[in-house]
Amino acid sequence: MAAISFDTPLLSGDELLDLIPQRAPIVMVDRFFGMDGNGSYTGLKVEDSNLFCQGGQLDECGITEHIAQSAAVRVGYLYRCAGEKIPVGFIGSVNKMNFYALPQVGDELHTTIRVEQEIFDITLISATVQVNGTTVAEGQLKIFLKKDA
């Protein structure tokens, strides 16, 4: 299988919004680049109008929300491909978060989500967020899925 490229998104705009419950002004993912055996891949262009931008930088809360929505896109894509209703996910915990730099307005975030463990409706993911190939943040989230009975 070919490596995922951050050049051409698989989904963006309304197609991407169909995969997540968030709506403007809280949407923190604007591109989905796809999945492979190593993970799923998303992006976000940091805009000055972003709620989580202060002083020309995306803050730690914004990066964490971007990671959570990146994980939601992954789940939404898998469920949509399977023809199933997309469940809502909730962050159960945030662990081992490290922020090495705050992205600037105009930066493009490229994020990799990897599933570390899945048990029933609980998923532990690890995330790496990069700008221009440099890791700016990484950490783990535990996500609970609420599936309709």
Protein backbone atom coordinates (compact mmCIF):
# COMPACT_ATOMS: atom_id res chain seq x y z
CA MET A 1 0.00 0.00 0.00
CA ALA A 2 1.27 3.48 -0.87
CA ALA A 3 2.28 5.81 1.94
CA ILE A 4 -0.27 8.42 3.00
CA SER A 5 0.46 11.85 1.57
CA PHE A 6 -0.41 15.05 3.37
CA ASP A 7 -0.66 16.76 -0.03
CA THR A 8 -4.12 15.68 -1.15
CA PRO A 9 -6.97 15.18 1.32
CA LEU A 10 -9.36 12.29 0.91
CA LEU A 11 -12.13 14.35 2.55
CA SER A 12 -12.66 18.01 3.44
CA GLY A 13 -15.53 20.46 3.80
CA ASP A 14 -19.05 19.09 4.25
CA GLU A 15 -17.95 15.49 3.61
CA LEU A 16 -15.61 15.74 6.59
CA LEU A 17 -18.26 17.42 8.76
CA ASP A 18 -20.52 14.42 8.16
CA LEU A 19 -18.05 12.34 10.21
CA ILE A 20 -17.95 14.47 13.38
CA PRO A 21 -20.58 16.05 15.67
CA GLN A 22 -18.80 19.41 16.01
CA ARG A 23 -19.87 22.47 14.03
CA ALA A 24 -18.42 25.94 13.54
CA PRO A 25 -16.88 27.65 15.36
CA ILE A 26 -15.48 24.63 17.23
CA VAL A 27 -14.43 22.47 14.25
CA MET A 28 -10.73 21.65 14.72
CA VAL A 29 -10.10 19.35 11.72
CA ASP A 30 -10.38 20.54 8.13
CA ARG A 31 -8.84 17.65 6.18
CA PHE A 32 -8.79 13.86 6.35
CA PHE A 33 -5.96 12.23 4.42
CA GLY A 34 -6.99 8.62 4.96
CA MET A 35 -5.92 5.52 6.83
CA ASP A 36 -3.37 2.77 6.47
CA GLY A 37 -2.06 -0.04 8.65
CA ASN A 38 -0.20 2.51 10.79
CA GLY A 39 -2.98 4.92 11.59
CA SER A 40 -5.28 7.68 10.39
CA TYR A 41 -4.17 11.08 9.20
CA THR A 42 -5.78 14.52 9.54
CA GLY A 43 -4.90 18.17 9.12
CA LEU A 44 -5.84 21.65 10.25
CA LYS A 45 -4.75 25.05 9.00
CA VAL A 46 -4.41 27.36 11.99
CA GLU A 47 -6.50 30.48 11.39
CA ASP A 48 -6.45 33.68 13.45
CA SER A 49 -10.23 33.36 13.89
CA ASN A 50 -9.82 30.00 15.67
CA LEU A 51 -11.36 30.09 19.16
CA PHE A 52 -8.21 28.52 20.59
CA CYS A 53 -5.79 31.07 19.08
CA GLN A 54 -4.27 33.61 21.42
CA GLY A 55 -1.49 35.98 20.46
CA GLY A 56 -1.12 34.36 17.05
CA GLN A 57 -0.67 30.85 18.47
CA LEU A 58 -2.90 27.79 18.83
CA ASP A 59 -3.00 26.97 22.54
CA GLU A 60 -2.70 23.59 24.25
CA CYS A 61 -6.48 23.21 24.60
CA GLY A 62 -6.85 23.73 20.86
CA ILE A 63 -4.22 21.11 20.08
CA THR A 64 -5.91 18.64 22.44
CA GLU A 65 -9.31 19.31 20.85
CA HIS A 66 -7.74 18.85 17.41
CA ILE A 67 -6.44 15.43 18.51
CA ALA A 68 -9.87 14.44 19.87
CA GLN A 69 -11.60 15.47 16.65
CA SER A 70 -8.94 13.68 14.60
CA ALA A 71 -9.82 10.51 16.50
CA ALA A 72 -13.52 11.21 15.87
CA VAL A 73 -12.89 11.51 12.13
CA ARG A 74 -11.23 8.09 12.18
CA VAL A 75 -14.23 6.49 13.90
CA GLY A 76 -16.69 8.32 11.68
CA TYR A 77 -14.90 7.19 8.54
CA LEU A 78 -14.79 3.54 9.67
CA TYR A 79 -18.49 3.51 10.56
CA ARG A 80 -19.51 5.31 7.37
CA CYS A 81 -17.52 2.82 5.26
CA ALA A 82 -19.30 -0.02 7.09
CA GLY A 83 -22.69 1.60 6.41
CA GLU A 84 -23.38 2.02 10.12
CA LYS A 85 -24.59 4.98 12.18
CA ILE A 86 -21.65 7.03 13.45
CA PRO A 87 -21.51 6.96 17.27
CA VAL A 88 -20.68 9.95 19.44
CA GLY A 89 -17.41 9.72 21.34
CA PHE A 90 -16.45 11.23 24.67
CA ILE A 91 -12.98 11.89 26.04
CA GLY A 92 -12.49 9.72 29.11
CA SER A 93 -8.96 10.83 29.88
CA VAL A 94 -6.00 12.72 28.49
CA ASN A 95 -2.61 11.20 29.32
CA LYS A 96 1.06 11.78 28.66
CA MET A 97 0.43 15.01 26.74
CA ASN A 98 3.59 16.82 25.77
CA PHE A 99 3.60 20.19 24.02
CA TYR A 100 6.92 21.09 22.46
CA ALA A 101 5.85 24.22 20.54
CA LEU A 102 2.63 26.11 19.90
CA PRO A 103 1.61 26.28 16.23
CA GLN A 104 1.45 29.75 14.70
CA VAL A 105 -1.39 31.24 12.67
CA GLY A 106 -0.90 29.99 9.11
CA ASP A 107 0.74 26.72 10.19
CA GLU A 108 -0.62 23.42 8.87
CA LEU A 109 -1.05 20.70 11.50
CA HIS A 110 -0.54 17.14 10.28
CA THR A 111 -1.75 14.61 12.81
CA THR A 112 -1.35 10.85 13.06
CA ILE A 113 -3.74 8.84 15.23
CA ARG A 114 -2.78 5.29 16.22
CA VAL A 115 -4.97 2.85 18.10
CA GLU A 116 -3.03 1.41 21.03
CA GLN A 117 -5.84 -0.66 22.51
CA GLU A 118 -9.56 -1.27 21.97
CA ILE A 119 -11.79 -2.98 24.51
CA PHE A 120 -15.54 -2.98 23.85
CA ASP A 121 -16.47 0.70 23.34
CA ILE A 122 -13.28 2.12 24.87
CA THR A 123 -10.31 3.04 22.67
CA LEU A 124 -6.87 4.22 23.76
CA ILE A 125 -5.26 6.27 21.00
CA SER A 126 -1.87 7.90 20.69
CA ALA A 127 -1.43 11.04 18.63
CA THR A 128 1.46 12.89 17.08
CA VAL A 129 0.92 16.44 15.81
CA GLN A 130 3.50 17.88 13.44
CA VAL A 131 4.13 21.20 11.71
CA ASN A 132 6.53 21.07 8.75
CA GLY A 133 7.72 17.62 9.84
CA THR A 134 8.53 18.73 13.40
CA THR A 135 6.56 17.22 16.28
CA VAL A 136 4.81 19.99 18.23
CA ALA A 137 2.68 17.76 20.47
CA GLU A 138 2.03 14.14 21.33
CA GLY A 139 -0.04 12.25 23.83
CA GLN A 140 -2.78 9.74 24.50
CA LEU A 141 -6.55 9.96 24.82
CA LYS A 142 -8.99 7.38 26.10
CA ILE A 143 -12.24 7.65 24.18
CA PHE A 144 -15.62 6.14 25.03
CA LEU A 145 -18.12 5.53 22.22
CA LYS A 146 -21.83 5.90 22.91
CA LYS A 147 -23.56 3.54 20.50
CA ASP A 148 -27.32 3.69 20.13
CA ALA A 149 -29.01 0.46 21.16
